[in-house]
Every structure is written in C-alpha cells, then in structure tokens.
Amino acid sequence: FVVAVNVLGAAYSALQLARLSKGSPVLNKPLAWTIFSSDQVLAYLMFSAVAASIPSAVYAQYGEPQLQWMKTCNLYRNFCNRMGEGMVGSVVVCMSMIGLSGLSSFTLFRLYNGGAGK
C-alpha cells in the first residue's frame, strides 16, 4: 500500500511539475478547487499509508511476545534497514504533501480575496 501510494504521489507530482513548468498559474476557481482537492486526497492517502505501515515495522523490529510473533529484523537485517529507509522517506514525502496541500489552500483562498493581498 505504501509503495502504491508513493508511486501515485510521484506521478501526481510529475504532472504538477509539468503544469508549473509551462508557467500556467492558477487563475480560475474550478482548477484551483481541483488542485486543492487532489492535494488533500493525496496527503490523506500518504498519511494513512504511513500510519498503517508503522505497526508492521515495529512488529518486525521488536516482535510481539504475547502473540508469539518473533522479531524478524535480526534475521533479515538488510531488508529491515531498507524498510526503515523507506519509512523515513515516506514520512518526509508525507510531510511534504501536507505542506503542498497548505500551499494549494493558500492559492485557492487567495482567489476569493479579490486580489487584495497582491
């Protein structure tokens, strides 16, 4: 789930980058609402993916003796190192998407201000 959401986020970011490289600012409200909504959905998806994968990473690292689940990171150290790096990367991307979502909300609600803040 985390990998699929990160791929979706990368594709969406590439589309946004292509749109911004053409120099087309958001001038109309329907496009601003679409971008804002898409950013919100992607930020929530990434947050839920990271939140869902953290317990699995903790169980792999420490195990769960009450359920007789042994820790697996002492057996598969390289896998666990890469899993940890991926988790850190996912958290960074999630925080970036939350920041991007804040910027898109600023852009959207600036259109309703009537241009007074220019």
C-alpha atoms as a PDB file:
ATOM      1  CA  PHE A   1       0.000   0.000   0.000  1.00  0.00           C
ATOM      2  CA  VAL A   2       2.814   2.397   0.848  1.00  0.00           C
ATOM      3  CA  VAL A   3       4.615   1.721  -2.420  1.00  0.00           C
ATOM      4  CA  ALA A   4       1.436   2.151  -4.469  1.00  0.00           C
ATOM      5  CA  VAL A   5       0.593   5.442  -2.748  1.00  0.00           C
ATOM      6  CA  ASN A   6       4.161   6.705  -3.196  1.00  0.00           C
ATOM      7  CA  VAL A   7       4.036   5.855  -6.912  1.00  0.00           C
ATOM      8  CA  LEU A   8       0.702   7.667  -7.172  1.00  0.00           C
ATOM      9  CA  GLY A   9       2.207  10.658  -5.368  1.00  0.00           C
ATOM     10  CA  ALA A  10       5.240  10.698  -7.652  1.00  0.00           C
ATOM     11  CA  ALA A  11       3.059  10.576 -10.760  1.00  0.00           C
ATOM     12  CA  TYR A  12       0.839  13.365  -9.451  1.00  0.00           C
ATOM     13  CA  SER A  13       3.870  15.480  -8.553  1.00  0.00           C
ATOM     14  CA  ALA A  14       5.317  14.945 -12.041  1.00  0.00           C
ATOM     15  CA  LEU A  15       2.044  16.131 -13.586  1.00  0.00           C
ATOM     16  CA  GLN A  16       2.012  19.196 -11.353  1.00  0.00           C
ATOM     17  CA  LEU A  17       5.643  19.931 -12.181  1.00  0.00           C
ATOM     18  CA  ALA A  18       4.875  19.680 -15.905  1.00  0.00           C
ATOM     19  CA  ARG A  19       1.944  22.063 -15.438  1.00  0.00           C
ATOM     20  CA  LEU A  20       4.060  24.534 -13.489  1.00  0.00           C
ATOM     21  CA  SER A  21       6.983  24.360 -15.946  1.00  0.00           C
ATOM     22  CA  LYS A  22       4.691  25.758 -18.629  1.00  0.00           C
ATOM     23  CA  GLY A  23       4.240  28.819 -16.459  1.00  0.00           C
ATOM     24  CA  SER A  24       0.480  28.479 -16.150  1.00  0.00           C
ATOM     25  CA  PRO A  25      -0.655  29.944 -12.841  1.00  0.00           C
ATOM     26  CA  VAL A  26      -3.978  29.051 -11.313  1.00  0.00           C
ATOM     27  CA  LEU A  27      -6.336  31.796 -12.446  1.00  0.00           C
ATOM     28  CA  ASN A  28      -9.752  30.199 -12.216  1.00  0.00           C
ATOM     29  CA  LYS A  29     -11.571  28.788  -9.226  1.00  0.00           C
ATOM     30  CA  PRO A  30     -12.577  25.372 -10.657  1.00  0.00           C
ATOM     31  CA  LEU A  31      -8.949  24.489 -11.438  1.00  0.00           C
ATOM     32  CA  ALA A  32      -7.857  25.738  -8.026  1.00  0.00           C
ATOM     33  CA  TRP A  33     -10.531  23.611  -6.341  1.00  0.00           C
ATOM     34  CA  THR A  34      -9.449  20.573  -8.360  1.00  0.00           C
ATOM     35  CA  ILE A  35      -5.796  21.024  -7.404  1.00  0.00           C
ATOM     36  CA  PHE A  36      -6.684  21.689  -3.775  1.00  0.00           C
ATOM     37  CA  SER A  37      -8.906  18.599  -3.593  1.00  0.00           C
ATOM     38  CA  SER A  38      -6.304  16.412  -5.288  1.00  0.00           C
ATOM     39  CA  ASP A  39      -3.611  17.632  -2.914  1.00  0.00           C
ATOM     40  CA  GLN A  40      -5.837  16.934   0.074  1.00  0.00           C
ATOM     41  CA  VAL A  41      -6.708  13.417  -1.106  1.00  0.00           C
ATOM     42  CA  LEU A  42      -3.077  12.584  -1.794  1.00  0.00           C
ATOM     43  CA  ALA A  43      -1.912  13.996   1.548  1.00  0.00           C
ATOM     44  CA  TYR A  44      -4.517  11.941   3.412  1.00  0.00           C
ATOM     45  CA  LEU A  45      -3.667   8.819   1.409  1.00  0.00           C
ATOM     46  CA  MET A  46       0.022   9.192   2.191  1.00  0.00           C
ATOM     47  CA  PHE A  47      -0.666   9.858   5.848  1.00  0.00           C
ATOM     48  CA  SER A  48      -2.877   6.775   6.102  1.00  0.00           C
ATOM     49  CA  ALA A  49      -0.310   4.623   4.280  1.00  0.00           C
ATOM     50  CA  VAL A  50       2.470   5.686   6.638  1.00  0.00           C
ATOM     51  CA  ALA A  51       0.239   5.260   9.678  1.00  0.00           C
ATOM     52  CA  ALA A  52      -0.793   1.769   8.524  1.00  0.00           C
ATOM     53  CA  SER A  53       2.765   0.627   7.869  1.00  0.00           C
ATOM     54  CA  ILE A  54       4.331   1.785  11.135  1.00  0.00           C
ATOM     55  CA  PRO A  55       2.870  -1.067  13.244  1.00  0.00           C
ATOM     56  CA  SER A  56       4.230  -3.630  10.781  1.00  0.00           C
ATOM     57  CA  ALA A  57       7.673  -2.077  11.017  1.00  0.00           C
ATOM     58  CA  VAL A  58       7.504  -2.069  14.816  1.00  0.00           C
ATOM     59  CA  TYR A  59       6.438  -5.740  14.879  1.00  0.00           C
ATOM     60  CA  ALA A  60       9.293  -6.633  12.540  1.00  0.00           C
ATOM     61  CA  GLN A  61      11.791  -4.788  14.726  1.00  0.00           C
ATOM     62  CA  TYR A  62      10.629  -5.823  18.183  1.00  0.00           C
ATOM     63  CA  GLY A  63       8.222  -8.718  17.693  1.00  0.00           C
ATOM     64  CA  GLU A  64       5.124  -9.332  19.802  1.00  0.00           C
ATOM     65  CA  PRO A  65       5.740 -11.934  22.522  1.00  0.00           C
ATOM     66  CA  GLN A  66       2.084 -12.096  23.625  1.00  0.00           C
ATOM     67  CA  LEU A  67       1.078 -13.228  20.136  1.00  0.00           C
ATOM     68  CA  GLN A  68       4.226 -15.348  19.705  1.00  0.00           C
ATOM     69  CA  TRP A  69       5.450 -13.252  16.803  1.00  0.00           C
ATOM     70  CA  MET A  70       9.212 -13.240  16.762  1.00  0.00           C
ATOM     71  CA  LYS A  71      11.223 -10.271  15.636  1.00  0.00           C
ATOM     72  CA  THR A  72      12.461 -10.693  12.108  1.00  0.00           C
ATOM     73  CA  CYS A  73      14.945  -7.849  11.830  1.00  0.00           C
ATOM     74  CA  ASN A  74      17.663  -9.902  13.488  1.00  0.00           C
ATOM     75  CA  LEU A  75      17.250 -12.477  10.680  1.00  0.00           C
ATOM     76  CA  TYR A  76      16.800 -10.099   7.726  1.00  0.00           C
ATOM     77  CA  ARG A  77      18.921  -7.107   8.694  1.00  0.00           C
ATOM     78  CA  ASN A  78      19.388  -5.693   5.166  1.00  0.00           C
ATOM     79  CA  PHE A  79      15.663  -5.894   4.479  1.00  0.00           C
ATOM     80  CA  CYS A  80      14.869  -4.125   7.739  1.00  0.00           C
ATOM     81  CA  ASN A  81      17.435  -1.412   7.033  1.00  0.00           C
ATOM     82  CA  ARG A  82      15.866  -0.759   3.650  1.00  0.00           C
ATOM     83  CA  MET A  83      12.399  -0.885   5.168  1.00  0.00           C
ATOM     84  CA  GLY A  84      13.465   1.743   7.717  1.00  0.00           C
ATOM     85  CA  GLU A  85      14.924   3.939   4.999  1.00  0.00           C
ATOM     86  CA  GLY A  86      11.701   3.605   3.043  1.00  0.00           C
ATOM     87  CA  MET A  87       9.652   4.508   6.095  1.00  0.00           C
ATOM     88  CA  VAL A  88      11.755   7.627   6.714  1.00  0.00           C
ATOM     89  CA  GLY A  89      11.380   8.584   3.060  1.00  0.00           C
ATOM     90  CA  SER A  90       7.628   8.042   3.232  1.00  0.00           C
ATOM     91  CA  VAL A  91       7.336  10.238   6.315  1.00  0.00           C
ATOM     92  CA  VAL A  92       9.326  13.002   4.583  1.00  0.00           C
ATOM     93  CA  VAL A  93       7.134  12.743   1.476  1.00  0.00           C
ATOM     94  CA  CYS A  94       4.010  12.746   3.641  1.00  0.00           C
ATOM     95  CA  MET A  95       5.106  15.932   5.415  1.00  0.00           C
ATOM     96  CA  SER A  96       5.948  17.488   2.037  1.00  0.00           C
ATOM     97  CA  MET A  97       2.482  16.652   0.724  1.00  0.00           C
ATOM     98  CA  ILE A  98       0.915  18.214   3.800  1.00  0.00           C
ATOM     99  CA  GLY A  99       2.957  21.368   3.139  1.00  0.00           C
ATOM    100  CA  LEU A 100       1.986  21.335  -0.533  1.00  0.00           C
ATOM    101  CA  SER A 101      -1.625  20.939   0.468  1.00  0.00           C
ATOM    102  CA  GLY A 102      -1.284  24.061   2.633  1.00  0.00           C
ATOM    103  CA  LEU A 103       0.176  25.982  -0.299  1.00  0.00           C
ATOM    104  CA  SER A 104      -2.652  24.917  -2.598  1.00  0.00           C
ATOM    105  CA  SER A 105      -5.208  26.007   0.011  1.00  0.00           C
ATOM    106  CA  PHE A 106      -3.445  29.380   0.192  1.00  0.00           C
ATOM    107  CA  THR A 107      -3.603  29.670  -3.591  1.00  0.00           C
ATOM    108  CA  LEU A 108      -7.278  28.705  -3.651  1.00  0.00           C
ATOM    109  CA  PHE A 109      -8.418  31.079  -0.942  1.00  0.00           C
ATOM    110  CA  ARG A 110      -6.312  33.907  -2.356  1.00  0.00           C
ATOM    111  CA  LEU A 111      -8.622  33.792  -5.388  1.00  0.00           C
ATOM    112  CA  TYR A 112     -11.536  34.564  -3.064  1.00  0.00           C
ATOM    113  CA  ASN A 113      -9.730  37.519  -1.539  1.00  0.00           C
ATOM    114  CA  GLY A 114     -10.228  39.556  -4.694  1.00  0.00           C
ATOM    115  CA  GLY A 115      -6.514  40.136  -5.178  1.00  0.00           C
ATOM    116  CA  ALA A 116      -6.203  42.444  -2.160  1.00  0.00           C
ATOM    117  CA  GLY A 117      -3.043  40.691  -0.969  1.00  0.00           C
ATOM    118  CA  LYS A 118      -1.025  41.221  -4.167  1.00  0.00           C
END
